[in-house]
């Protein structure tokens, strides 16, 4: 049983790390295309507060949100995730 709890904690840590890395990847890309978070959020059609939480790694990103973000960044969802996983 202890192994199960340990695996759950490890998975949770990895998920949090991936969310943080997705935020970093998005941050790196959006600053090259937009002057502000507000401009980026308008282009992505996502509330600026949601964008801020995603960039900070505090938002569990839905496919819908990630799709809107990837379109605004002229990239693919898979590209964002792949870059985040390599960090």
C-alpha atoms as a PDB file:
ATOM      1  CA  UNK A   1       0.000   0.000   0.000  1.00  0.00           C
ATOM      2  CA  UNK A   2       2.762   2.575   0.723  1.00  0.00           C
ATOM      3  CA  UNK A   3       3.968   2.244  -2.860  1.00  0.00           C
ATOM      4  CA  UNK A   4       0.554   3.349  -4.088  1.00  0.00           C
ATOM      5  CA  UNK A   5       0.653   6.546  -2.016  1.00  0.00           C
ATOM      6  CA  UNK A   6       4.211   7.215  -3.119  1.00  0.00           C
ATOM      7  CA  UNK A   7       3.235   6.766  -6.774  1.00  0.00           C
ATOM      8  CA  UNK A   8       0.257   9.078  -6.327  1.00  0.00           C
ATOM      9  CA  UNK A   9       2.472  11.792  -4.849  1.00  0.00           C
ATOM     10  CA  UNK A  10       5.046  11.310  -7.616  1.00  0.00           C
ATOM     11  CA  UNK A  11       2.330  11.584 -10.273  1.00  0.00           C
ATOM     12  CA  UNK A  12       0.944  14.724  -8.615  1.00  0.00           C
ATOM     13  CA  UNK A  13       4.414  16.297  -8.527  1.00  0.00           C
ATOM     14  CA  UNK A  14       4.999  15.410 -12.187  1.00  0.00           C
ATOM     15  CA  UNK A  15       1.615  16.888 -13.132  1.00  0.00           C
ATOM     16  CA  UNK A  16       2.386  20.117 -11.267  1.00  0.00           C
ATOM     17  CA  UNK A  17       5.802  20.260 -12.905  1.00  0.00           C
ATOM     18  CA  UNK A  18       4.261  19.761 -16.356  1.00  0.00           C
ATOM     19  CA  UNK A  19       1.719  22.537 -15.742  1.00  0.00           C
ATOM     20  CA  UNK A  20       4.535  24.850 -14.659  1.00  0.00           C
ATOM     21  CA  UNK A  21       6.551  23.954 -17.763  1.00  0.00           C
ATOM     22  CA  UNK A  22       3.550  24.460 -20.057  1.00  0.00           C
ATOM     23  CA  UNK A  23       3.227  27.946 -18.566  1.00  0.00           C
ATOM     24  CA  UNK A  24       6.917  28.629 -19.229  1.00  0.00           C
ATOM     25  CA  UNK A  25       6.654  27.471 -22.852  1.00  0.00           C
ATOM     26  CA  UNK A  26       3.574  29.623 -23.450  1.00  0.00           C
ATOM     27  CA  UNK A  27       5.281  32.607 -21.788  1.00  0.00           C
ATOM     28  CA  UNK A  28       8.342  32.232 -24.022  1.00  0.00           C
ATOM     29  CA  UNK A  29       6.186  32.140 -27.137  1.00  0.00           C
ATOM     30  CA  UNK A  30       3.651  34.839 -26.354  1.00  0.00           C
ATOM     31  CA  UNK A  31       6.239  37.529 -25.535  1.00  0.00           C
ATOM     32  CA  UNK A  32       7.593  37.176 -29.071  1.00  0.00           C
ATOM     33  CA  UNK A  33       4.193  37.887 -30.629  1.00  0.00           C
ATOM     34  CA  UNK A  34       2.311  40.176 -28.263  1.00  0.00           C
ATOM     35  CA  UNK A  35       3.052  43.365 -26.348  1.00  0.00           C
ATOM     36  CA  UNK A  36       1.084  42.387 -23.256  1.00  0.00           C
ATOM     37  CA  UNK A  37      -0.850  39.610 -21.550  1.00  0.00           C
ATOM     38  CA  UNK A  38      -4.002  41.565 -22.309  1.00  0.00           C
ATOM     39  CA  UNK A  39      -3.251  41.611 -26.038  1.00  0.00           C
ATOM     40  CA  UNK A  40      -2.469  37.886 -25.919  1.00  0.00           C
ATOM     41  CA  UNK A  41      -5.638  37.085 -23.958  1.00  0.00           C
ATOM     42  CA  UNK A  42      -7.747  38.997 -26.481  1.00  0.00           C
ATOM     43  CA  UNK A  43      -6.105  37.162 -29.395  1.00  0.00           C
ATOM     44  CA  UNK A  44      -6.694  33.829 -27.662  1.00  0.00           C
ATOM     45  CA  UNK A  45     -10.243  34.809 -26.589  1.00  0.00           C
ATOM     46  CA  UNK A  46      -9.440  33.815 -23.000  1.00  0.00           C
ATOM     47  CA  UNK A  47      -9.887  35.886 -19.857  1.00  0.00           C
ATOM     48  CA  UNK A  48      -6.635  37.576 -18.817  1.00  0.00           C
ATOM     49  CA  UNK A  49      -6.880  36.070 -15.314  1.00  0.00           C
ATOM     50  CA  UNK A  50      -7.007  32.583 -16.822  1.00  0.00           C
ATOM     51  CA  UNK A  51      -3.964  33.385 -18.954  1.00  0.00           C
ATOM     52  CA  UNK A  52      -2.128  34.570 -15.844  1.00  0.00           C
ATOM     53  CA  UNK A  53      -2.963  31.352 -13.958  1.00  0.00           C
ATOM     54  CA  UNK A  54      -1.847  29.216 -16.930  1.00  0.00           C
ATOM     55  CA  UNK A  55       1.444  31.114 -17.203  1.00  0.00           C
ATOM     56  CA  UNK A  56       2.061  30.608 -13.482  1.00  0.00           C
ATOM     57  CA  UNK A  57       1.276  26.896 -13.730  1.00  0.00           C
ATOM     58  CA  UNK A  58      -1.688  27.279 -11.363  1.00  0.00           C
ATOM     59  CA  UNK A  59      -4.371  26.346 -13.892  1.00  0.00           C
ATOM     60  CA  UNK A  60      -5.151  22.804 -14.953  1.00  0.00           C
ATOM     61  CA  UNK A  61      -5.375  23.529 -18.679  1.00  0.00           C
ATOM     62  CA  UNK A  62      -8.322  22.145 -20.624  1.00  0.00           C
ATOM     63  CA  UNK A  63      -7.969  21.065 -24.237  1.00  0.00           C
ATOM     64  CA  UNK A  64     -10.229  23.957 -25.235  1.00  0.00           C
ATOM     65  CA  UNK A  65      -8.031  26.551 -23.514  1.00  0.00           C
ATOM     66  CA  UNK A  66      -4.841  24.968 -24.829  1.00  0.00           C
ATOM     67  CA  UNK A  67      -6.327  24.934 -28.334  1.00  0.00           C
ATOM     68  CA  UNK A  68      -7.153  28.652 -28.183  1.00  0.00           C
ATOM     69  CA  UNK A  69      -3.692  29.436 -26.824  1.00  0.00           C
ATOM     70  CA  UNK A  70      -1.922  27.358 -29.462  1.00  0.00           C
ATOM     71  CA  UNK A  71      -3.883  29.068 -32.264  1.00  0.00           C
ATOM     72  CA  UNK A  72      -3.004  32.513 -30.899  1.00  0.00           C
ATOM     73  CA  UNK A  73       0.652  31.423 -30.809  1.00  0.00           C
ATOM     74  CA  UNK A  74       0.568  29.907 -34.316  1.00  0.00           C
ATOM     75  CA  UNK A  75       1.655  26.539 -32.982  1.00  0.00           C
ATOM     76  CA  UNK A  76       0.098  23.207 -32.052  1.00  0.00           C
ATOM     77  CA  UNK A  77      -1.024  21.781 -28.743  1.00  0.00           C
ATOM     78  CA  UNK A  78       1.377  18.878 -29.204  1.00  0.00           C
ATOM     79  CA  UNK A  79       4.291  21.231 -29.772  1.00  0.00           C
ATOM     80  CA  UNK A  80       3.588  23.074 -26.507  1.00  0.00           C
ATOM     81  CA  UNK A  81       3.306  19.826 -24.555  1.00  0.00           C
ATOM     82  CA  UNK A  82       6.396  18.289 -26.163  1.00  0.00           C
ATOM     83  CA  UNK A  83       8.494  21.353 -25.339  1.00  0.00           C
ATOM     84  CA  UNK A  84       7.170  21.336 -21.769  1.00  0.00           C
ATOM     85  CA  UNK A  85       7.989  17.656 -21.333  1.00  0.00           C
ATOM     86  CA  UNK A  86      11.574  18.223 -22.485  1.00  0.00           C
ATOM     87  CA  UNK A  87      12.244  20.828 -19.787  1.00  0.00           C
END
